[in-house]
Amino acid sequence: SMAEMEDSERKMDDGDGQGDKMQDKGERKASGGRKRGVPNYQDEEDVELAKIFSQIKPQTARAWKTVVDLYERWCTMTGKPIRDERSVRNRIAKLNQATKVLSDPSTAPTHVRSLHIFDRSARAKRLFNTRDGRMLNIAVDHGIFNDGRFLAGIESMSDVLKILVQLHPNSIQLSPGQAHLLLTASQAAGCPVPALILRCDVSNVYTAKFPCLPFCELQNENIIEEAIRLDAAGVICTLLKLPEDAPGAVEIHKQTVRNVCTLRNSCTKWNMPLIVEVLAVKWNENKDSFVLETDMSITAPLARLACELGGDILKCDPPVNIQDVKTILHVCQPSQVLLRGSDKGDEEGMIEDARKFIEMGAAGLVYGRSIIHHADPAVFTRQILKAIHGD
């Protein structure tokens, strides 16, 4: 009868549906829990999800639909795979569990990027505050650049480090010859040992008068193994761009690109976070030494190059227009970006800049002589730490 035929067809349809479900289940099992053919979430997708979630703060089904719609629109614009609502919810839940702070729109993107570095290297967890994914790095490796101007205030590194470790920065940047003093200073002061960032290159382009034969080279071929012996949590080298008419400008740039690539290979082998210091300079008025380049058409592409070469973390100079920080952060995704702390004469201006840099999405700040030469380093550093990490 007609009724029997319809009932038979309905059972066949139900059977097909069960077969599809069994196939999906088998595909997910074979691919580690995901349906076969569906790619993993990428860093950029996680960052965008965090932004949307922190803006909408969904509590209702309608709000969740808004999150999915906004994310789908972004995926369409960027060519990323479109996910269904269940996938989006599950991914946000995972990120939220890992970072604990996706409800804060000012910190969510920073946390997500830090999370990916943490996943790749346990050492990175020592560099950043795992609660908020941010860092204060104090650099005291100036002596390696062979200029007496840089030695003021750091003549006795043992004494300097005893003071600095008591300020509780997340990391301290040193050269190989001084790095062993960090543990000694921490033990003498009775303080936790900050993470060590090891300077891996040496250059003569920072002198008061530009040298006839400039260079910037790695200190040795096995510098990463030296970093591991010293218990470093990260290594740093410079990506340099000199004025086109400077002697050896092309060769210096080529050397520093080669340095980054060499370190990237070794850092991947040993699971060591790589920090690339992005530095573009121009002639001073007398054209006998360099000052910082402020042209964004030069500095932004150089930062992007550092990202493309594999820098996990980039150290950049802050642009003159503070709004250009967003441009730097945007072109450097998914690398974390540390900004050199501003060196304004007034302390209030420096603290305010620090706060703005973090609000815009910087992963942290790098200070050196601003802290070392301060009349009260402890008070100033506490203010910087508050700007970075909050209360």
Protein backbone atom coordinates (compact mmCIF):
# COMPACT_ATOMS: atom_id res chain seq x y z
CA SER A 1 0.00 0.00 0.00
CA MET A 2 0.94 3.67 -0.29
CA ALA A 3 1.27 3.97 3.51
CA GLU A 4 3.64 1.00 3.66
CA MET A 5 5.81 2.45 0.86
CA GLU A 6 6.06 5.84 2.65
CA ASP A 7 6.94 4.08 5.91
CA SER A 8 9.64 2.09 4.12
CA GLU A 9 11.11 5.24 2.53
CA ARG A 10 11.10 7.00 5.89
CA LYS A 11 13.07 4.15 7.46
CA MET A 12 15.55 4.24 4.60
CA ASP A 13 16.00 8.01 5.09
CA ASP A 14 16.53 7.48 8.82
CA GLY A 15 19.06 4.79 8.03
CA ASP A 16 20.93 7.11 5.68
CA GLY A 17 20.99 9.76 8.39
CA GLN A 18 22.42 7.28 10.90
CA GLY A 19 25.00 6.27 8.32
CA ASP A 20 26.05 9.90 7.82
CA LYS A 21 26.38 10.35 11.57
CA MET A 22 28.48 7.19 11.86
CA GLN A 23 30.68 8.40 9.00
CA ASP A 24 31.10 11.83 10.61
CA LYS A 25 31.97 10.15 13.90
CA GLY A 26 34.53 7.93 12.20
CA GLU A 27 36.08 10.91 10.40
CA ARG A 28 36.33 12.87 13.64
CA LYS A 29 37.95 9.93 15.42
CA ALA A 30 40.47 9.46 12.62
CA SER A 31 41.43 13.14 12.68
CA GLY A 32 41.76 13.62 16.43
CA GLY A 33 38.22 14.81 17.16
CA ARG A 34 37.69 17.03 14.11
CA LYS A 35 35.70 16.24 11.03
CA ARG A 36 38.08 15.32 8.22
CA GLY A 37 38.85 18.21 5.88
CA VAL A 38 38.10 20.95 8.42
CA PRO A 39 41.33 22.90 9.10
CA ASN A 40 42.50 23.89 12.57
CA TYR A 41 41.89 27.40 13.84
CA GLN A 42 44.78 29.73 13.01
CA ASP A 43 46.24 32.48 15.18
CA GLU A 44 44.47 35.25 13.25
CA GLU A 45 41.11 33.51 13.66
CA ASP A 46 41.56 33.18 17.41
CA VAL A 47 42.49 36.84 17.73
CA GLU A 48 39.43 37.90 15.73
CA LEU A 49 37.16 35.60 17.75
CA ALA A 50 38.51 37.10 20.96
CA LYS A 51 37.84 40.63 19.72
CA ILE A 52 34.26 39.83 18.67
CA PHE A 53 33.50 37.93 21.86
CA SER A 54 34.85 40.70 24.08
CA GLN A 55 32.78 43.31 22.22
CA ILE A 56 29.45 41.42 22.15
CA LYS A 57 29.72 39.51 25.47
CA PRO A 58 26.96 37.11 24.36
CA GLN A 59 24.46 35.92 26.96
CA THR A 60 21.49 35.09 24.74
CA ALA A 61 20.94 33.01 21.62
CA ARG A 62 20.47 36.19 19.60
CA ALA A 63 23.77 37.60 20.88
CA TRP A 64 25.56 34.38 19.97
CA LYS A 65 24.08 34.58 16.49
CA THR A 66 25.54 38.09 16.23
CA VAL A 67 28.97 36.73 17.19
CA VAL A 68 28.73 34.02 14.55
CA ASP A 69 27.47 36.46 11.89
CA LEU A 70 30.29 38.93 12.55
CA TYR A 71 32.86 36.15 12.50
CA GLU A 72 31.41 34.71 9.28
CA ARG A 73 31.61 38.15 7.67
CA TRP A 74 35.28 38.42 8.68
CA CYS A 75 35.99 34.91 7.34
CA THR A 76 34.40 35.82 4.02
CA MET A 77 36.52 38.98 3.75
CA THR A 78 39.77 37.21 4.64
CA GLY A 79 39.20 33.90 2.88
CA LYS A 80 39.20 31.88 6.11
CA PRO A 81 37.00 28.76 6.41
CA ILE A 82 33.50 29.53 7.69
CA ARG A 83 32.64 27.71 10.94
CA ASP A 84 29.23 26.78 12.32
CA GLU A 85 27.91 28.14 15.61
CA ARG A 86 28.80 25.01 17.55
CA SER A 87 32.41 25.18 16.40
CA VAL A 88 32.64 28.89 17.25
CA ARG A 89 31.19 28.35 20.72
CA ASN A 90 33.53 25.45 21.44
CA ARG A 91 36.57 27.40 20.29
CA ILE A 92 35.67 30.43 22.39
CA ALA A 93 35.11 28.18 25.41
CA LYS A 94 38.57 26.69 24.94
CA LEU A 95 40.23 30.09 24.61
CA ASN A 96 38.32 31.47 27.56
CA GLN A 97 39.34 28.54 29.73
CA ALA A 98 42.97 28.96 28.75
CA THR A 99 43.22 32.73 29.14
CA LYS A 100 40.54 33.50 31.75
CA VAL A 101 40.19 37.03 30.42
CA LEU A 102 38.33 37.05 27.12
CA SER A 103 35.70 39.27 28.70
CA ASP A 104 38.24 42.12 28.80
CA PRO A 105 38.40 43.71 25.32
CA SER A 106 41.70 45.45 26.05
CA THR A 107 43.57 42.26 26.85
CA ALA A 108 41.91 39.45 24.91
CA PRO A 109 43.91 39.69 21.64
CA THR A 110 47.20 39.93 23.57
CA HIS A 111 46.31 36.88 25.63
CA VAL A 112 45.39 34.81 22.61
CA ARG A 113 48.72 35.53 20.89
CA SER A 114 50.61 34.78 24.11
CA LEU A 115 48.70 31.52 24.39
CA HIS A 116 50.00 30.36 21.02
CA ILE A 117 53.59 31.14 22.04
CA PHE A 118 53.02 29.25 25.30
CA ASP A 119 51.80 26.26 23.30
CA ARG A 120 55.00 26.22 21.23
CA SER A 121 57.51 26.75 24.02
CA ALA A 122 57.45 26.28 27.77
CA ARG A 123 60.22 28.88 27.99
CA ALA A 124 57.80 31.55 26.77
CA LYS A 125 55.72 31.08 29.91
CA ARG A 126 58.67 32.43 31.87
CA LEU A 127 58.91 35.54 29.69
CA PHE A 128 55.31 36.67 30.10
CA ASN A 129 53.04 37.08 33.06
CA THR A 130 50.76 34.08 32.47
CA ARG A 131 47.85 35.88 34.12
CA ASP A 132 47.66 38.66 31.53
CA GLY A 133 50.13 37.65 28.80
CA ARG A 134 52.28 40.78 29.18
CA MET A 135 55.89 41.54 29.89
CA LEU A 136 58.23 44.16 31.32
CA ASN A 137 61.71 43.62 29.95
CA ILE A 138 64.66 45.57 31.38
CA ALA A 139 67.56 45.66 28.91
CA VAL A 140 71.07 46.06 30.31
CA ASP A 141 73.11 44.63 27.44
CA HIS A 142 74.39 48.03 26.28
CA GLY A 143 78.04 47.28 26.99
CA ILE A 144 78.28 44.89 24.07
CA PHE A 145 78.01 47.75 21.57
CA ASN A 146 81.44 49.14 22.51
CA ASP A 147 80.56 52.76 23.22
CA GLY A 148 81.46 54.47 26.47
CA ARG A 149 78.25 56.51 26.46
CA PHE A 150 76.26 53.35 27.16
CA LEU A 151 78.24 52.38 30.26
CA ALA A 152 77.01 55.20 32.50
CA GLY A 153 75.14 53.65 35.41
CA ILE A 154 76.00 50.04 34.56
CA GLU A 155 79.73 50.02 35.34
CA SER A 156 79.25 47.42 38.10
CA MET A 157 76.80 44.88 36.74
CA SER A 158 76.69 42.91 39.99
CA ASP A 159 75.41 45.97 41.84
CA VAL A 160 73.00 46.92 39.04
CA LEU A 161 71.46 43.46 38.88
CA LYS A 162 71.00 43.28 42.65
CA ILE A 163 68.82 46.38 42.34
CA LEU A 164 66.97 45.27 39.21
CA VAL A 165 65.94 41.81 40.45
CA GLN A 166 64.25 43.45 43.44
CA LEU A 167 62.02 45.39 41.03
CA HIS A 168 60.51 42.07 39.86
CA PRO A 169 60.51 42.60 36.08
CA ASN A 170 59.32 39.69 33.96
CA SER A 171 62.65 39.50 32.13
CA ILE A 172 66.12 41.00 32.06
CA GLN A 173 68.14 41.26 28.84
CA LEU A 174 71.86 40.51 29.09
CA SER A 175 74.83 39.52 26.95
CA PRO A 176 76.54 36.12 27.42
CA GLY A 177 79.46 37.46 29.44
CA GLN A 178 77.20 39.02 32.10
CA ALA A 179 74.29 36.56 32.08
CA HIS A 180 75.65 34.29 34.83
CA LEU A 181 75.46 37.23 37.26
CA LEU A 182 71.65 37.17 37.13
CA LEU A 183 71.34 34.04 39.28
CA THR A 184 73.97 35.27 41.73
CA ALA A 185 72.25 38.64 42.11
CA SER A 186 68.85 37.03 42.64
CA GLN A 187 70.20 34.71 45.32
CA ALA A 188 71.99 37.59 47.07
CA ALA A 189 68.80 39.69 47.07
CA GLY A 190 66.57 36.76 48.03
CA CYS A 191 64.36 37.35 44.98
CA PRO A 192 62.92 35.10 42.27
CA VAL A 193 65.14 34.95 39.19
CA PRO A 194 63.64 36.96 36.30
CA ALA A 195 63.58 35.28 32.91
CA LEU A 196 66.82 35.78 30.97
CA ILE A 197 66.75 37.14 27.42
CA LEU A 198 70.16 36.61 25.85
CA ARG A 199 71.63 39.07 23.33
CA CYS A 200 73.00 37.00 20.43
CA ASP A 201 74.56 39.57 18.10
CA VAL A 202 77.21 42.27 18.31
CA SER A 203 77.49 45.43 16.22
CA ASN A 204 79.52 48.62 15.90
CA VAL A 205 76.86 50.82 14.26
CA TYR A 206 75.74 52.41 17.56
CA THR A 207 78.92 54.40 18.15
CA ALA A 208 79.00 58.20 18.38
CA LYS A 209 80.73 58.36 15.01
CA PHE A 210 79.71 55.98 12.24
CA PRO A 211 82.48 53.40 11.56
CA CYS A 212 84.20 53.00 8.21
CA LEU A 213 83.47 49.26 8.20
CA PRO A 214 80.15 48.61 9.93
CA PHE A 215 79.15 45.09 10.96
CA CYS A 216 76.43 43.24 12.83
CA GLU A 217 77.13 39.55 13.34
CA LEU A 218 76.09 36.68 15.56
CA GLN A 219 78.52 36.19 18.43
CA ASN A 220 79.11 32.54 17.54
CA GLU A 221 77.55 29.71 15.55
CA ASN A 222 76.35 27.87 18.65
CA ILE A 223 74.88 30.82 20.53
CA ILE A 224 71.55 29.01 21.11
CA GLU A 225 73.35 26.20 22.91
CA GLU A 226 75.03 28.86 25.04
CA ALA A 227 71.59 30.32 25.76
CA ILE A 228 70.34 26.91 26.90
CA ARG A 229 73.35 26.45 29.20
CA LEU A 230 72.61 29.86 30.72
CA ASP A 231 68.93 28.88 31.17
CA ALA A 232 67.69 31.68 28.90
CA ALA A 233 63.95 31.89 28.26
CA GLY A 234 64.46 33.73 24.96
CA VAL A 235 67.09 35.16 22.63
CA ILE A 236 67.25 38.48 20.81
CA CYS A 237 68.98 39.80 17.70
CA THR A 238 68.59 42.95 15.61
CA LEU A 239 67.13 43.47 12.14
CA LEU A 240 68.82 46.67 10.92
CA LYS A 241 68.07 49.10 8.13
CA LEU A 242 70.52 51.96 7.55
CA PRO A 243 70.13 54.96 5.22
CA GLU A 244 70.70 53.92 1.61
CA ASP A 245 73.73 56.20 1.28
CA ALA A 246 75.44 54.88 4.43
CA PRO A 247 78.64 52.88 3.81
CA GLY A 248 77.84 49.17 3.88
CA ALA A 249 74.08 49.72 4.26
CA VAL A 250 73.11 46.87 1.95
CA GLU A 251 75.61 44.45 3.48
CA ILE A 252 74.50 45.30 7.04
CA HIS A 253 70.88 44.66 6.16
CA LYS A 254 71.85 41.40 4.48
CA GLN A 255 73.89 40.35 7.54
CA THR A 256 71.03 40.99 9.93
CA VAL A 257 68.52 39.15 7.75
CA ARG A 258 70.93 36.21 7.69
CA ASN A 259 71.31 36.43 11.49
CA VAL A 260 67.54 36.24 12.02
CA CYS A 261 67.21 33.29 9.63
CA THR A 262 70.09 31.42 11.28
CA LEU A 263 68.64 31.95 14.74
CA ARG A 264 65.16 31.00 13.55
CA ASN A 265 66.48 27.63 12.45
CA SER A 266 68.28 27.01 15.75
CA CYS A 267 65.38 28.33 17.84
CA THR A 268 63.00 25.93 16.11
CA LYS A 269 65.37 23.04 16.79
CA TRP A 270 65.70 23.87 20.50
CA ASN A 271 62.22 25.32 21.04
CA MET A 272 63.61 28.73 22.03
CA PRO A 273 61.50 31.91 21.61
CA LEU A 274 63.09 34.31 19.13
CA ILE A 275 62.85 38.05 19.70
CA VAL A 276 63.76 40.32 16.79
CA GLU A 277 64.66 43.92 17.55
CA VAL A 278 63.45 46.00 14.60
CA LEU A 279 65.64 49.06 14.12
CA ALA A 280 65.60 51.57 11.27
CA VAL A 281 67.88 54.61 11.51
CA LYS A 282 68.64 57.78 9.56
CA TRP A 283 71.46 60.33 9.53
CA ASN A 284 71.64 63.02 12.17
CA GLU A 285 71.99 66.67 11.16
CA ASN A 286 75.79 66.41 10.93
CA LYS A 287 75.54 63.16 8.98
CA ASP A 288 78.19 61.47 11.13
CA SER A 289 75.98 59.16 13.22
CA PHE A 290 72.43 57.87 13.36
CA VAL A 291 69.14 58.73 15.01
CA LEU A 292 65.94 56.71 14.96
CA GLU A 293 63.94 56.60 11.75
CA THR A 294 60.35 57.75 12.32
CA ASP A 295 58.93 57.33 8.81
CA MET A 296 56.20 54.66 9.02
CA SER A 297 56.68 53.81 5.34
CA ILE A 298 60.11 52.47 6.37
CA THR A 299 59.54 51.14 9.89
CA ALA A 300 56.27 49.25 9.29
CA PRO A 301 57.60 47.14 6.36
CA LEU A 302 60.76 46.38 8.36
CA ALA A 303 58.63 45.15 11.27
CA ARG A 304 56.62 43.02 8.86
CA LEU A 305 59.86 41.56 7.48
CA ALA A 306 60.87 40.53 11.01
CA CYS A 307 57.52 38.81 11.37
CA GLU A 308 57.84 37.09 7.99
CA LEU A 309 61.32 35.81 8.88
CA GLY A 310 59.89 34.05 11.93
CA GLY A 311 60.22 36.37 14.91
CA ASP A 312 58.01 35.06 17.71
CA ILE A 313 58.25 38.42 19.46
CA LEU A 314 59.22 41.77 17.95
CA LYS A 315 60.75 44.70 19.77
CA CYS A 316 59.86 47.96 18.00
CA ASP A 317 60.45 51.63 18.63
CA PRO A 318 57.24 53.55 19.34
CA PRO A 319 56.08 55.74 16.43
CA VAL A 320 55.87 59.52 16.77
CA ASN A 321 52.10 59.42 16.26
CA ILE A 322 50.86 57.10 18.99
CA GLN A 323 47.91 56.03 16.82
CA ASP A 324 50.41 54.40 14.44
CA VAL A 325 50.98 51.74 17.11
CA LYS A 326 47.85 50.05 15.76
CA THR A 327 49.43 49.91 12.30
CA ILE A 328 52.54 48.19 13.66
CA LEU A 329 50.46 45.67 15.61
CA HIS A 330 48.24 44.99 12.61
CA VAL A 331 51.02 44.27 10.11
CA CYS A 332 52.92 42.08 12.59
CA GLN A 333 50.18 39.56 13.38
CA PRO A 334 50.48 36.97 14.84
CA SER A 335 53.84 37.96 16.39
CA GLN A 336 53.79 39.56 19.81
CA VAL A 337 55.03 43.15 19.83
CA LEU A 338 57.05 44.77 22.60
CA LEU A 339 57.47 48.53 22.40
CA ARG A 340 60.47 50.41 23.69
CA GLY A 341 59.28 52.65 26.48
CA SER A 342 59.13 56.30 25.51
CA ASP A 343 61.98 58.50 26.71
CA LYS A 344 60.06 61.71 27.27
CA GLY A 345 61.65 64.04 29.77
CA ASP A 346 58.68 64.10 32.13
CA GLU A 347 57.88 60.97 34.11
CA GLU A 348 54.11 61.42 33.91
CA GLY A 349 54.27 61.47 30.12
CA MET A 350 56.28 58.25 30.07
CA ILE A 351 53.80 56.49 32.35
CA GLU A 352 50.86 57.72 30.29
CA ASP A 353 52.50 56.50 27.07
CA ALA A 354 53.11 53.12 28.69
CA ARG A 355 49.44 52.85 29.58
CA LYS A 356 48.37 53.81 26.05
CA PHE A 357 50.75 51.34 24.41
CA ILE A 358 49.29 48.50 26.46
CA GLU A 359 45.71 49.61 25.86
CA MET A 360 46.38 49.52 22.11
CA GLY A 361 47.50 45.90 22.31
CA ALA A 362 51.27 45.85 22.90
CA ALA A 363 52.37 42.66 24.64
CA GLY A 364 54.79 44.55 26.83
CA LEU A 365 57.39 47.26 27.15
CA VAL A 366 61.18 47.39 27.13
CA TYR A 367 63.10 49.85 29.27
CA GLY A 368 66.81 50.25 29.92
CA ARG A 369 68.54 53.46 30.86
CA SER A 370 65.21 55.12 31.76
CA ILE A 371 65.06 52.81 34.77
CA ILE A 372 68.78 52.53 35.47
CA HIS A 373 69.33 56.31 35.53
CA HIS A 374 66.13 57.14 37.40
CA ALA A 375 66.52 58.84 40.78
CA ASP A 376 64.22 56.21 42.33
CA PRO A 377 64.16 53.12 40.08
CA ALA A 378 61.86 51.19 42.43
CA VAL A 379 59.06 53.76 42.40
CA PHE A 380 59.30 54.33 38.65
CA THR A 381 59.31 50.60 37.89
CA ARG A 382 56.29 49.99 40.11
CA GLN A 383 54.41 52.59 38.08
CA ILE A 384 55.45 50.93 34.82
CA LEU A 385 54.44 47.50 36.13
CA LYS A 386 51.05 48.89 37.12
CA ALA A 387 50.60 50.32 33.62
CA ILE A 388 51.45 46.93 32.11
CA HIS A 389 49.84 44.46 34.50
CA GLY A 390 47.26 46.60 36.31
CA ASP A 391 46.74 46.47 40.06
